[in-house]
Protein backbone atom coordinates (compact mmCIF):
# COMPACT_ATOMS: atom_id res chain seq x y z
CA UNK A 1 148.85 188.75 160.89
CA UNK A 2 150.66 187.14 157.96
CA UNK A 3 149.17 187.79 154.53
CA UNK A 4 148.81 184.69 152.33
CA UNK A 5 147.46 185.00 148.79
CA UNK A 6 147.39 182.24 146.18
CA UNK A 7 149.68 180.17 148.38
CA UNK A 8 152.28 182.94 148.55
CA UNK A 9 153.19 184.41 151.92
CA UNK A 10 153.80 188.14 152.00
CA UNK A 11 156.69 188.49 154.47
CA UNK A 12 155.43 189.57 157.88
CA UNK A 13 158.30 191.91 158.74
CA UNK A 14 158.72 195.55 159.71
CA UNK A 15 160.65 196.20 156.50
CA UNK A 16 157.81 194.91 154.35
CA UNK A 17 155.20 196.78 156.38
CA UNK A 18 157.09 200.07 155.93
CA UNK A 19 157.60 199.44 152.21
CA UNK A 20 153.89 198.79 151.82
CA UNK A 21 152.95 201.93 153.73
CA UNK A 22 155.33 204.07 151.68
CA UNK A 23 153.96 202.84 148.37
CA UNK A 24 150.32 203.12 149.47
CA UNK A 25 150.98 206.71 150.52
CA UNK A 26 152.53 207.88 147.23
CA UNK A 27 151.18 205.61 144.49
CA UNK A 28 147.75 205.48 142.93
CA UNK A 29 145.58 202.43 143.68
CA UNK A 30 146.34 201.30 140.13
CA UNK A 31 150.11 201.19 140.76
CA UNK A 32 149.76 199.79 144.28
CA UNK A 33 147.62 196.84 143.20
CA UNK A 34 149.81 196.29 140.13
CA UNK A 35 152.95 196.23 142.28
CA UNK A 36 151.47 193.73 144.72
CA UNK A 37 150.42 191.53 141.81
CA UNK A 38 153.98 191.73 140.48
CA UNK A 39 155.24 190.27 143.75
CA UNK A 40 152.63 187.53 143.81
CA UNK A 41 152.85 186.61 140.13
CA UNK A 42 156.64 186.78 140.18
CA UNK A 43 156.64 184.46 143.19
CA UNK A 44 154.29 182.04 141.41
CA UNK A 45 156.50 182.05 138.32
CA UNK A 46 159.50 181.46 140.55
CA UNK A 47 157.81 178.48 142.17
CA UNK A 48 157.01 177.08 138.71
CA UNK A 49 160.60 177.55 137.54
CA UNK A 50 162.30 176.40 140.73
CA UNK A 51 163.78 179.84 141.43
CA UNK A 52 164.03 180.92 145.06
CA UNK A 53 164.40 184.61 145.90
CA UNK A 54 164.76 186.39 149.22
CA UNK A 55 161.08 187.24 149.80
CA UNK A 56 161.76 190.63 151.41
CA UNK A 57 164.03 191.76 148.60
CA UNK A 58 161.62 190.50 145.95
CA UNK A 59 158.78 192.29 147.70
CA UNK A 60 160.57 195.64 147.84
CA UNK A 61 161.67 195.26 144.22
CA UNK A 62 158.10 194.61 143.16
CA UNK A 63 156.54 197.33 145.32
CA UNK A 64 159.04 200.01 144.31
CA UNK A 65 159.43 199.09 140.63
CA UNK A 66 157.07 201.83 139.38
CA UNK A 67 157.85 204.38 142.09
CA UNK A 68 159.50 206.57 139.44
CA UNK A 69 156.05 207.16 137.95
CA UNK A 70 154.77 208.81 141.14
CA UNK A 71 154.80 212.55 141.72
CA UNK A 72 156.98 212.30 144.82
CA UNK A 73 159.79 210.22 143.37
CA UNK A 74 159.80 211.05 139.67
CA UNK A 75 162.50 213.13 138.03
CA UNK A 76 162.43 214.87 134.65
CA UNK A 77 165.88 213.90 133.36
CA UNK A 78 166.35 210.22 134.21
CA UNK A 79 164.67 206.97 133.26
CA UNK A 80 161.76 206.30 135.59
CA UNK A 81 163.23 202.89 136.36
CA UNK A 82 166.31 204.56 137.86
CA UNK A 83 164.17 206.87 140.00
CA UNK A 84 162.52 203.85 141.60
CA UNK A 85 165.73 201.86 141.83
CA UNK A 86 167.58 204.66 143.62
CA UNK A 87 164.80 205.11 146.17
CA UNK A 88 164.61 201.37 146.80
CA UNK A 89 168.36 201.18 147.46
CA UNK A 90 168.19 204.19 149.79
CA UNK A 91 165.25 202.64 151.64
CA UNK A 92 166.94 199.27 152.05
CA UNK A 93 170.31 200.65 153.15
CA UNK A 94 168.57 202.89 155.69
CA UNK A 95 166.97 199.75 157.13
CA UNK A 96 170.28 197.93 157.50
CA UNK A 97 170.10 195.74 154.41
CA UNK A 98 173.65 194.93 153.20
CA UNK A 99 174.82 196.60 150.00
CA UNK A 100 174.69 193.35 148.02
CA UNK A 101 170.98 192.93 148.71
CA UNK A 102 170.28 196.59 148.02
CA UNK A 103 172.15 196.29 144.72
CA UNK A 104 170.07 193.28 143.69
CA UNK A 105 166.89 195.26 144.20
CA UNK A 106 168.37 198.24 142.34
CA UNK A 107 169.12 195.98 139.38
CA UNK A 108 165.71 194.33 139.55
CA UNK A 109 163.96 197.69 139.24
CA UNK A 110 166.39 199.33 136.82
CA UNK A 111 166.20 196.38 134.42
CA UNK A 112 162.54 195.42 134.68
CA UNK A 113 161.73 196.94 131.27
CA UNK A 114 164.85 195.54 129.59
CA UNK A 115 163.72 192.30 127.94
CA UNK A 116 165.61 189.02 128.52
CA UNK A 117 168.63 190.37 130.44
CA UNK A 118 167.12 189.98 133.96
CA UNK A 119 166.55 186.27 133.36
CA UNK A 120 170.34 185.76 133.38
CA UNK A 121 170.74 187.38 136.80
CA UNK A 122 169.83 186.46 140.38
CA UNK A 123 166.28 185.28 141.18
CA UNK A 124 165.46 188.58 142.91
CA UNK A 125 166.15 190.35 139.62
CA UNK A 126 164.57 187.77 137.32
CA UNK A 127 161.35 187.42 139.29
CA UNK A 128 160.53 191.12 139.44
CA UNK A 129 160.68 191.04 135.64
CA UNK A 130 158.65 187.81 135.61
CA UNK A 131 155.92 189.46 137.65
CA UNK A 132 155.90 192.56 135.46
CA UNK A 133 155.86 190.53 132.25
CA UNK A 134 152.99 188.38 133.48
CA UNK A 135 150.87 191.26 134.77
CA UNK A 136 151.47 193.79 131.98
CA UNK A 137 152.23 191.68 128.91
CA UNK A 138 150.62 188.37 129.76
CA UNK A 139 153.91 186.50 129.27
CA UNK A 140 153.65 183.22 131.18
CA UNK A 141 149.99 183.84 132.04
CA UNK A 142 148.90 180.54 130.53
CA UNK A 143 151.56 178.65 132.48
CA UNK A 144 150.05 179.47 135.87
CA UNK A 145 147.11 177.77 137.55
CA UNK A 146 143.97 179.81 136.68
CA UNK A 147 142.66 179.33 140.21
CA UNK A 148 145.81 180.97 141.64
CA UNK A 149 145.57 183.84 139.17
CA UNK A 150 141.96 184.33 140.24
CA UNK A 151 143.05 184.57 143.88
CA UNK A 152 145.65 187.19 143.02
CA UNK A 153 143.16 189.27 141.07
CA UNK A 154 140.51 188.93 143.76
CA UNK A 155 142.94 190.40 146.28
CA UNK A 156 144.32 193.03 143.89
CA UNK A 157 141.81 193.78 141.11
CA UNK A 158 142.72 194.63 137.51
CA UNK A 159 139.93 197.14 136.86
CA UNK A 160 140.38 198.55 133.33
CA UNK A 161 144.04 197.76 133.86
CA UNK A 162 145.29 197.64 130.28
CA UNK A 163 144.04 201.12 129.45
CA UNK A 164 144.90 202.62 132.83
CA UNK A 165 148.47 201.31 132.99
CA UNK A 166 149.18 202.67 129.52
CA UNK A 167 147.91 206.06 130.67
CA UNK A 168 150.14 205.88 133.75
CA UNK A 169 153.14 205.05 131.58
CA UNK A 170 152.36 207.92 129.22
CA UNK A 171 151.85 210.44 132.02
CA UNK A 172 155.02 209.24 133.74
CA UNK A 173 157.42 209.73 130.83
CA UNK A 174 155.75 212.29 128.58
CA UNK A 175 157.81 215.19 129.96
CA UNK A 176 161.12 213.29 129.69
CA UNK A 177 160.89 211.75 126.23
CA UNK A 178 164.66 211.61 125.70
CA UNK A 179 164.92 209.08 128.55
CA UNK A 180 162.84 206.59 126.59
CA UNK A 181 165.31 206.19 123.71
CA UNK A 182 165.99 202.49 123.20
CA UNK A 183 163.33 201.41 125.71
CA UNK A 184 159.86 199.92 125.50
CA UNK A 185 158.36 203.25 126.59
CA UNK A 186 159.13 204.61 123.12
CA UNK A 187 156.16 202.56 121.91
CA UNK A 188 153.95 204.08 124.59
CA UNK A 189 154.75 207.65 123.58
CA UNK A 190 154.47 206.79 119.89
CA UNK A 191 150.91 205.64 120.48
CA UNK A 192 149.68 208.19 123.00
CA UNK A 193 151.77 211.40 122.70
CA UNK A 194 151.15 213.05 119.30
CA UNK A 195 153.93 215.57 119.93
CA UNK A 196 156.54 212.83 120.40
CA UNK A 197 159.25 212.33 117.78
CA UNK A 198 160.72 208.87 117.96
CA UNK A 199 164.51 208.64 118.00
CA UNK A 200 166.17 206.38 115.48
CA UNK A 201 169.27 204.39 116.43
CA UNK A 202 170.49 204.09 112.84
CA UNK A 203 170.03 207.80 112.13
CA UNK A 204 171.83 208.63 115.38
CA UNK A 205 174.86 206.65 114.21
CA UNK A 206 174.81 208.05 110.68
CA UNK A 207 174.31 211.61 111.93
CA UNK A 208 177.01 211.58 114.60
CA UNK A 209 179.99 213.96 114.50
CA UNK A 210 182.32 211.21 113.29
CA UNK A 211 183.37 211.76 109.65
CA UNK A 212 183.08 208.08 108.78
């Protein structure tokens, strides 16, 4: 049976069903519900902005965007965004999705913590970021119908979400701090990992091997 939440239809396809099963199997309830909200909120922001994305690709991008924070798919030497992006591309290609579509989803996940850039790319890329920004940062929250937001949260609750998602971010990157240089996760480790030493872009330039 098709799943309709806040006026948004979750695609009723085998690809979406398998993506959902994979994420439910490996992610915590926190990340699963967050990822579903990203799809729904991103879709609502897209409707508001007149952006139309392929719903299957947007769904996989949203569901897999934090996969690099899970035990099964995380690495210790790459950005967590790339871990999730690589698995999403592998998943899509294995299901016969053309390389162009798989690349869009890779970009959507890889860039979802890079402010502003995704908005200049295809709707599949922009709307994953829109969903993440709305759910995590509250960007665009006040531009959506409160009744629709309530429907999304009723289906996928935000129980102690602010504190819990920050813990998930910290746990997911604490053992690969070098991968956070120049990213928003630097702020997470600065707040929650006392052992973390923040890199400095200016000092990196001034301290490089170049003589001048």
